[in-house]
ModelCIF file with pLDDT and N, C-alpha, C, O atoms, coordinates in Angstrom:
data_MODEL
#
_entry.id   MODEL 
#
_entity.id                         1 
_entity.type                       polymer 
_entity.pdbx_number_of_molecules   1 
#
_entity_poly.entity_id                      1 
_entity_poly.type                           'polypeptide(L)' 
_entity_poly.nstd_linkage                   no 
_entity_poly.nstd_monomer                   no 
_entity_poly.pdbx_seq_one_letter_code       GLVQPGGSLRLSCAASGFTFSGYATSWYRQAPG 
_entity_poly.pdbx_seq_one_letter_code_can   GLVQPGGSLRLSCAASGFTFSGYATSWYRQAPG 
_entity_poly.pdbx_strand_id                 A 
#
loop_
_entity_poly_seq.entity_id 
_entity_poly_seq.num 
_entity_poly_seq.mon_id 
_entity_poly_seq.hetero 
1 1  GLY n 
1 2  LEU n 
1 3  VAL n 
1 4  GLN n 
1 5  PRO n 
1 6  GLY n 
1 7  GLY n 
1 8  SER n 
1 9  LEU n 
1 10 ARG n 
1 11 LEU n 
1 12 SER n 
1 13 CYS n 
1 14 ALA n 
1 15 ALA n 
1 16 SER n 
1 17 GLY n 
1 18 PHE n 
1 19 THR n 
1 20 PHE n 
1 21 SER n 
1 22 GLY n 
1 23 TYR n 
1 24 ALA n 
1 25 THR n 
1 26 SER n 
1 27 TRP n 
1 28 TYR n 
1 29 ARG n 
1 30 GLN n 
1 31 ALA n 
1 32 PRO n 
1 33 GLY n 
#
_struct_asym.id          A 
_struct_asym.entity_id   1 
#
loop_
_ma_qa_metric.id 
_ma_qa_metric.mode 
_ma_qa_metric.name 
_ma_qa_metric.software_group_id 
_ma_qa_metric.type 
1 global pLDDT . pLDDT 
2 local  pLDDT . pLDDT 
#
_ma_qa_metric_global.metric_id      1 
_ma_qa_metric_global.metric_value   94.45 
_ma_qa_metric_global.model_id       1 
_ma_qa_metric_global.ordinal_id     1 
#
loop_
_ma_qa_metric_local.label_asym_id 
_ma_qa_metric_local.label_comp_id 
_ma_qa_metric_local.label_seq_id 
_ma_qa_metric_local.metric_id 
_ma_qa_metric_local.metric_value 
_ma_qa_metric_local.model_id 
_ma_qa_metric_local.ordinal_id 
A GLY 1  2 98.00 1 1  
A LEU 2  2 98.00 1 2  
A VAL 3  2 98.00 1 3  
A GLN 4  2 98.00 1 4  
A PRO 5  2 98.00 1 5  
A GLY 6  2 98.00 1 6  
A GLY 7  2 98.00 1 7  
A SER 8  2 98.00 1 8  
A LEU 9  2 98.00 1 9  
A ARG 10 2 98.00 1 10 
A LEU 11 2 98.00 1 11 
A SER 12 2 98.00 1 12 
A CYS 13 2 97.00 1 13 
A ALA 14 2 96.00 1 14 
A ALA 15 2 93.00 1 15 
A SER 16 2 93.00 1 16 
A GLY 17 2 89.00 1 17 
A PHE 18 2 87.00 1 18 
A THR 19 2 85.00 1 19 
A PHE 20 2 84.00 1 20 
A SER 21 2 82.00 1 21 
A GLY 22 2 85.00 1 22 
A TYR 23 2 90.00 1 23 
A ALA 24 2 94.00 1 24 
A THR 25 2 95.00 1 25 
A SER 26 2 97.00 1 26 
A TRP 27 2 98.00 1 27 
A TYR 28 2 98.00 1 28 
A ARG 29 2 98.00 1 29 
A GLN 30 2 98.00 1 30 
A ALA 31 2 97.00 1 31 
A PRO 32 2 92.00 1 32 
A GLY 33 2 93.00 1 33 
#
loop_
_atom_site.group_PDB 
_atom_site.id 
_atom_site.type_symbol 
_atom_site.label_atom_id 
_atom_site.label_alt_id 
_atom_site.label_comp_id 
_atom_site.label_asym_id 
_atom_site.label_entity_id 
_atom_site.label_seq_id 
_atom_site.pdbx_PDB_ins_code 
_atom_site.Cartn_x 
_atom_site.Cartn_y 
_atom_site.Cartn_z 
_atom_site.occupancy 
_atom_site.B_iso_or_equiv 
_atom_site.pdbx_formal_charge 
_atom_site.auth_seq_id 
_atom_site.auth_comp_id 
_atom_site.auth_asym_id 
_atom_site.auth_atom_id 
_atom_site.pdbx_PDB_model_num 
ATOM 1   N N  . GLY A 1 1  ? 94.075  96.675  123.448 1.00 98.00 ? 1  GLY A N  1 
ATOM 2   C CA . GLY A 1 1  ? 93.595  97.243  124.358 1.00 98.00 ? 1  GLY A CA 1 
ATOM 3   C C  . GLY A 1 1  ? 94.435  98.925  124.629 1.00 98.00 ? 1  GLY A C  1 
ATOM 4   O O  . GLY A 1 1  ? 94.533  99.706  123.684 1.00 98.00 ? 1  GLY A O  1 
ATOM 5   N N  . LEU A 1 2  ? 94.759  99.134  125.465 1.00 98.00 ? 2  LEU A N  1 
ATOM 6   C CA . LEU A 1 2  ? 95.159  100.657 125.361 1.00 98.00 ? 2  LEU A CA 1 
ATOM 7   C C  . LEU A 1 2  ? 97.319  100.484 125.672 1.00 98.00 ? 2  LEU A C  1 
ATOM 8   O O  . LEU A 1 2  ? 98.063  100.018 126.535 1.00 98.00 ? 2  LEU A O  1 
ATOM 9   N N  . VAL A 1 3  ? 97.437  101.131 124.473 1.00 98.00 ? 3  VAL A N  1 
ATOM 10  C CA . VAL A 1 3  ? 98.949  101.028 124.200 1.00 98.00 ? 3  VAL A CA 1 
ATOM 11  C C  . VAL A 1 3  ? 99.468  103.027 124.024 1.00 98.00 ? 3  VAL A C  1 
ATOM 12  O O  . VAL A 1 3  ? 98.648  103.895 123.728 1.00 98.00 ? 3  VAL A O  1 
ATOM 13  N N  . GLN A 1 4  ? 100.740 103.254 124.258 1.00 98.00 ? 4  GLN A N  1 
ATOM 14  C CA . GLN A 1 4  ? 101.149 104.155 123.890 1.00 98.00 ? 4  GLN A CA 1 
ATOM 15  C C  . GLN A 1 4  ? 101.902 104.738 122.804 1.00 98.00 ? 4  GLN A C  1 
ATOM 16  O O  . GLN A 1 4  ? 102.852 104.063 122.409 1.00 98.00 ? 4  GLN A O  1 
ATOM 17  N N  . PRO A 1 5  ? 101.691 105.823 122.245 1.00 98.00 ? 5  PRO A N  1 
ATOM 18  C CA . PRO A 1 5  ? 102.704 106.031 120.655 1.00 98.00 ? 5  PRO A CA 1 
ATOM 19  C C  . PRO A 1 5  ? 103.897 105.377 120.806 1.00 98.00 ? 5  PRO A C  1 
ATOM 20  O O  . PRO A 1 5  ? 104.655 105.614 121.746 1.00 98.00 ? 5  PRO A O  1 
ATOM 21  N N  . GLY A 1 6  ? 104.136 104.516 119.892 1.00 98.00 ? 6  GLY A N  1 
ATOM 22  C CA . GLY A 1 6  ? 105.136 103.928 119.847 1.00 98.00 ? 6  GLY A CA 1 
ATOM 23  C C  . GLY A 1 6  ? 105.478 102.387 120.157 1.00 98.00 ? 6  GLY A C  1 
ATOM 24  O O  . GLY A 1 6  ? 106.415 101.610 119.972 1.00 98.00 ? 6  GLY A O  1 
ATOM 25  N N  . GLY A 1 7  ? 104.218 102.377 120.723 1.00 98.00 ? 7  GLY A N  1 
ATOM 26  C CA . GLY A 1 7  ? 104.225 100.820 121.688 1.00 98.00 ? 7  GLY A CA 1 
ATOM 27  C C  . GLY A 1 7  ? 103.704 99.413  120.564 1.00 98.00 ? 7  GLY A C  1 
ATOM 28  O O  . GLY A 1 7  ? 103.602 99.420  119.337 1.00 98.00 ? 7  GLY A O  1 
ATOM 29  N N  . SER A 1 8  ? 103.539 98.686  121.208 1.00 98.00 ? 8  SER A N  1 
ATOM 30  C CA . SER A 1 8  ? 103.199 97.295  120.155 1.00 98.00 ? 8  SER A CA 1 
ATOM 31  C C  . SER A 1 8  ? 102.423 96.639  120.871 1.00 98.00 ? 8  SER A C  1 
ATOM 32  O O  . SER A 1 8  ? 102.424 96.577  122.100 1.00 98.00 ? 8  SER A O  1 
ATOM 33  N N  . LEU A 1 9  ? 101.676 96.085  120.078 1.00 98.00 ? 9  LEU A N  1 
ATOM 34  C CA . LEU A 1 9  ? 100.615 95.264  120.394 1.00 98.00 ? 9  LEU A CA 1 
ATOM 35  C C  . LEU A 1 9  ? 100.148 93.503  119.238 1.00 98.00 ? 9  LEU A C  1 
ATOM 36  O O  . LEU A 1 9  ? 99.952  93.514  118.023 1.00 98.00 ? 9  LEU A O  1 
ATOM 37  N N  . ARG A 1 10 ? 100.113 92.562  119.929 1.00 98.00 ? 10 ARG A N  1 
ATOM 38  C CA . ARG A 1 10 ? 99.946  91.487  118.890 1.00 98.00 ? 10 ARG A CA 1 
ATOM 39  C C  . ARG A 1 10 ? 98.245  91.053  119.014 1.00 98.00 ? 10 ARG A C  1 
ATOM 40  O O  . ARG A 1 10 ? 97.777  90.494  120.005 1.00 98.00 ? 10 ARG A O  1 
ATOM 41  N N  . LEU A 1 11 ? 97.547  91.392  117.938 1.00 98.00 ? 11 LEU A N  1 
ATOM 42  C CA . LEU A 1 11 ? 96.177  90.514  118.110 1.00 98.00 ? 11 LEU A CA 1 
ATOM 43  C C  . LEU A 1 11 ? 95.771  89.058  117.372 1.00 98.00 ? 11 LEU A C  1 
ATOM 44  O O  . LEU A 1 11 ? 96.322  88.683  116.336 1.00 98.00 ? 11 LEU A O  1 
ATOM 45  N N  . SER A 1 12 ? 94.877  88.407  117.963 1.00 98.00 ? 12 SER A N  1 
ATOM 46  C CA . SER A 1 12 ? 94.667  87.327  117.688 1.00 98.00 ? 12 SER A CA 1 
ATOM 47  C C  . SER A 1 12 ? 93.295  86.739  117.206 1.00 98.00 ? 12 SER A C  1 
ATOM 48  O O  . SER A 1 12 ? 92.342  86.870  117.974 1.00 98.00 ? 12 SER A O  1 
ATOM 49  N N  . CYS A 1 13 ? 93.112  86.128  116.056 1.00 97.00 ? 13 CYS A N  1 
ATOM 50  C CA . CYS A 1 13 ? 92.109  85.523  115.796 1.00 97.00 ? 13 CYS A CA 1 
ATOM 51  C C  . CYS A 1 13 ? 92.403  84.093  116.093 1.00 97.00 ? 13 CYS A C  1 
ATOM 52  O O  . CYS A 1 13 ? 93.532  83.605  116.146 1.00 97.00 ? 13 CYS A O  1 
ATOM 53  N N  . ALA A 1 14 ? 91.216  83.438  116.292 1.00 96.00 ? 14 ALA A N  1 
ATOM 54  C CA . ALA A 1 14 ? 91.485  82.207  116.439 1.00 96.00 ? 14 ALA A CA 1 
ATOM 55  C C  . ALA A 1 14 ? 89.946  81.955  115.704 1.00 96.00 ? 14 ALA A C  1 
ATOM 56  O O  . ALA A 1 14 ? 88.965  82.691  115.596 1.00 96.00 ? 14 ALA A O  1 
ATOM 57  N N  . ALA A 1 15 ? 90.188  80.751  115.320 1.00 93.00 ? 15 ALA A N  1 
ATOM 58  C CA . ALA A 1 15 ? 89.572  79.778  114.347 1.00 93.00 ? 15 ALA A CA 1 
ATOM 59  C C  . ALA A 1 15 ? 88.795  78.678  114.731 1.00 93.00 ? 15 ALA A C  1 
ATOM 60  O O  . ALA A 1 15 ? 89.371  77.629  115.019 1.00 93.00 ? 15 ALA A O  1 
ATOM 61  N N  . SER A 1 16 ? 87.622  78.755  114.778 1.00 93.00 ? 16 SER A N  1 
ATOM 62  C CA . SER A 1 16 ? 86.876  77.040  115.710 1.00 93.00 ? 16 SER A CA 1 
ATOM 63  C C  . SER A 1 16 ? 85.433  76.949  114.405 1.00 93.00 ? 16 SER A C  1 
ATOM 64  O O  . SER A 1 16 ? 84.829  77.854  113.829 1.00 93.00 ? 16 SER A O  1 
ATOM 65  N N  . GLY A 1 17 ? 85.280  75.261  114.321 1.00 89.00 ? 17 GLY A N  1 
ATOM 66  C CA . GLY A 1 17 ? 84.955  74.861  112.672 1.00 89.00 ? 17 GLY A CA 1 
ATOM 67  C C  . GLY A 1 17 ? 85.083  75.308  111.825 1.00 89.00 ? 17 GLY A C  1 
ATOM 68  O O  . GLY A 1 17 ? 84.187  75.962  111.292 1.00 89.00 ? 17 GLY A O  1 
ATOM 69  N N  . PHE A 1 18 ? 86.364  75.137  111.281 1.00 87.00 ? 18 PHE A N  1 
ATOM 70  C CA . PHE A 1 18 ? 87.123  75.171  109.941 1.00 87.00 ? 18 PHE A CA 1 
ATOM 71  C C  . PHE A 1 18 ? 88.430  75.397  110.510 1.00 87.00 ? 18 PHE A C  1 
ATOM 72  O O  . PHE A 1 18 ? 88.657  75.719  111.677 1.00 87.00 ? 18 PHE A O  1 
ATOM 73  N N  . THR A 1 19 ? 89.473  75.155  109.367 1.00 85.00 ? 19 THR A N  1 
ATOM 74  C CA . THR A 1 19 ? 91.025  75.596  109.589 1.00 85.00 ? 19 THR A CA 1 
ATOM 75  C C  . THR A 1 19 ? 91.416  76.399  108.784 1.00 85.00 ? 19 THR A C  1 
ATOM 76  O O  . THR A 1 19 ? 90.965  76.490  107.642 1.00 85.00 ? 19 THR A O  1 
ATOM 77  N N  . PHE A 1 20 ? 92.335  77.116  109.270 1.00 84.00 ? 20 PHE A N  1 
ATOM 78  C CA . PHE A 1 20 ? 92.787  78.346  108.586 1.00 84.00 ? 20 PHE A CA 1 
ATOM 79  C C  . PHE A 1 20 ? 93.456  78.353  107.282 1.00 84.00 ? 20 PHE A C  1 
ATOM 80  O O  . PHE A 1 20 ? 93.559  79.300  106.502 1.00 84.00 ? 20 PHE A O  1 
ATOM 81  N N  . SER A 1 21 ? 94.123  76.537  107.098 1.00 82.00 ? 21 SER A N  1 
ATOM 82  C CA . SER A 1 21 ? 94.817  76.764  106.443 1.00 82.00 ? 21 SER A CA 1 
ATOM 83  C C  . SER A 1 21 ? 94.285  76.802  105.103 1.00 82.00 ? 21 SER A C  1 
ATOM 84  O O  . SER A 1 21 ? 95.027  77.391  104.317 1.00 82.00 ? 21 SER A O  1 
ATOM 85  N N  . GLY A 1 22 ? 93.039  76.272  104.532 1.00 85.00 ? 22 GLY A N  1 
ATOM 86  C CA . GLY A 1 22 ? 92.115  76.466  103.345 1.00 85.00 ? 22 GLY A CA 1 
ATOM 87  C C  . GLY A 1 22 ? 91.821  78.122  102.974 1.00 85.00 ? 22 GLY A C  1 
ATOM 88  O O  . GLY A 1 22 ? 91.489  78.520  101.857 1.00 85.00 ? 22 GLY A O  1 
ATOM 89  N N  . TYR A 1 23 ? 92.031  79.013  104.227 1.00 90.00 ? 23 TYR A N  1 
ATOM 90  C CA . TYR A 1 23 ? 91.448  80.365  103.724 1.00 90.00 ? 23 TYR A CA 1 
ATOM 91  C C  . TYR A 1 23 ? 92.222  81.413  103.361 1.00 90.00 ? 23 TYR A C  1 
ATOM 92  O O  . TYR A 1 23 ? 93.449  81.352  103.447 1.00 90.00 ? 23 TYR A O  1 
ATOM 93  N N  . ALA A 1 24 ? 91.763  82.179  103.044 1.00 94.00 ? 24 ALA A N  1 
ATOM 94  C CA . ALA A 1 24 ? 92.155  83.547  102.938 1.00 94.00 ? 24 ALA A CA 1 
ATOM 95  C C  . ALA A 1 24 ? 91.806  84.448  103.945 1.00 94.00 ? 24 ALA A C  1 
ATOM 96  O O  . ALA A 1 24 ? 90.614  84.654  104.173 1.00 94.00 ? 24 ALA A O  1 
ATOM 97  N N  . THR A 1 25 ? 92.777  85.075  104.646 1.00 95.00 ? 25 THR A N  1 
ATOM 98  C CA . THR A 1 25 ? 92.373  86.050  105.885 1.00 95.00 ? 25 THR A CA 1 
ATOM 99  C C  . THR A 1 25 ? 93.149  86.978  105.687 1.00 95.00 ? 25 THR A C  1 
ATOM 100 O O  . THR A 1 25 ? 94.238  87.080  105.121 1.00 95.00 ? 25 THR A O  1 
ATOM 101 N N  . SER A 1 26 ? 92.036  88.102  106.563 1.00 97.00 ? 26 SER A N  1 
ATOM 102 C CA . SER A 1 26 ? 92.886  89.532  106.398 1.00 97.00 ? 26 SER A CA 1 
ATOM 103 C C  . SER A 1 26 ? 92.171  90.483  107.764 1.00 97.00 ? 26 SER A C  1 
ATOM 104 O O  . SER A 1 26 ? 91.247  90.066  108.461 1.00 97.00 ? 26 SER A O  1 
ATOM 105 N N  . TRP A 1 27 ? 92.799  91.731  107.914 1.00 98.00 ? 27 TRP A N  1 
ATOM 106 C CA . TRP A 1 27 ? 92.364  91.695  109.336 1.00 98.00 ? 27 TRP A CA 1 
ATOM 107 C C  . TRP A 1 27 ? 91.813  93.410  108.350 1.00 98.00 ? 27 TRP A C  1 
ATOM 108 O O  . TRP A 1 27 ? 92.047  93.682  107.172 1.00 98.00 ? 27 TRP A O  1 
ATOM 109 N N  . TYR A 1 28 ? 91.069  94.246  109.378 1.00 98.00 ? 28 TYR A N  1 
ATOM 110 C CA . TYR A 1 28 ? 90.575  95.236  108.977 1.00 98.00 ? 28 TYR A CA 1 
ATOM 111 C C  . TYR A 1 28 ? 90.173  96.268  110.167 1.00 98.00 ? 28 TYR A C  1 
ATOM 112 O O  . TYR A 1 28 ? 90.135  95.908  111.343 1.00 98.00 ? 28 TYR A O  1 
ATOM 113 N N  . ARG A 1 29 ? 89.975  97.147  109.880 1.00 98.00 ? 29 ARG A N  1 
ATOM 114 C CA . ARG A 1 29 ? 89.794  98.113  111.098 1.00 98.00 ? 29 ARG A CA 1 
ATOM 115 C C  . ARG A 1 29 ? 88.893  98.756  111.101 1.00 98.00 ? 29 ARG A C  1 
ATOM 116 O O  . ARG A 1 29 ? 88.168  98.567  110.124 1.00 98.00 ? 29 ARG A O  1 
ATOM 117 N N  . GLN A 1 30 ? 88.443  99.753  112.038 1.00 98.00 ? 30 GLN A N  1 
ATOM 118 C CA . GLN A 1 30 ? 87.009  100.532 111.666 1.00 98.00 ? 30 GLN A CA 1 
ATOM 119 C C  . GLN A 1 30 ? 87.328  101.598 112.764 1.00 98.00 ? 30 GLN A C  1 
ATOM 120 O O  . GLN A 1 30 ? 87.175  101.109 113.884 1.00 98.00 ? 30 GLN A O  1 
ATOM 121 N N  . ALA A 1 31 ? 87.615  102.546 112.781 1.00 97.00 ? 31 ALA A N  1 
ATOM 122 C CA . ALA A 1 31 ? 87.560  104.290 113.816 1.00 97.00 ? 31 ALA A CA 1 
ATOM 123 C C  . ALA A 1 31 ? 86.046  104.834 113.454 1.00 97.00 ? 31 ALA A C  1 
ATOM 124 O O  . ALA A 1 31 ? 85.564  104.739 112.325 1.00 97.00 ? 31 ALA A O  1 
ATOM 125 N N  . PRO A 1 32 ? 85.414  105.381 114.515 1.00 92.00 ? 32 PRO A N  1 
ATOM 126 C CA . PRO A 1 32 ? 84.708  106.073 114.739 1.00 92.00 ? 32 PRO A CA 1 
ATOM 127 C C  . PRO A 1 32 ? 84.305  107.228 113.231 1.00 92.00 ? 32 PRO A C  1 
ATOM 128 O O  . PRO A 1 32 ? 85.153  108.083 112.977 1.00 92.00 ? 32 PRO A O  1 
ATOM 129 N N  . GLY A 1 33 ? 83.115  107.168 112.398 1.00 93.00 ? 33 GLY A N  1 
ATOM 130 C CA . GLY A 1 33 ? 83.230  108.302 111.971 1.00 93.00 ? 33 GLY A CA 1 
ATOM 131 C C  . GLY A 1 33 ? 84.070  108.092 110.268 1.00 93.00 ? 33 GLY A C  1 
ATOM 132 O O  . GLY A 1 33 ? 84.324  109.080 109.579 1.00 93.00 ? 33 GLY A O  1 
#
């Protein structure tokens, strides 16, 4: 969402069809350009 500088957010990644406990997981980000 939209947040002011200095603010906080919590992102979630919910899985279906498997369990995260057996998987290595990363967060990536991509900005335009």
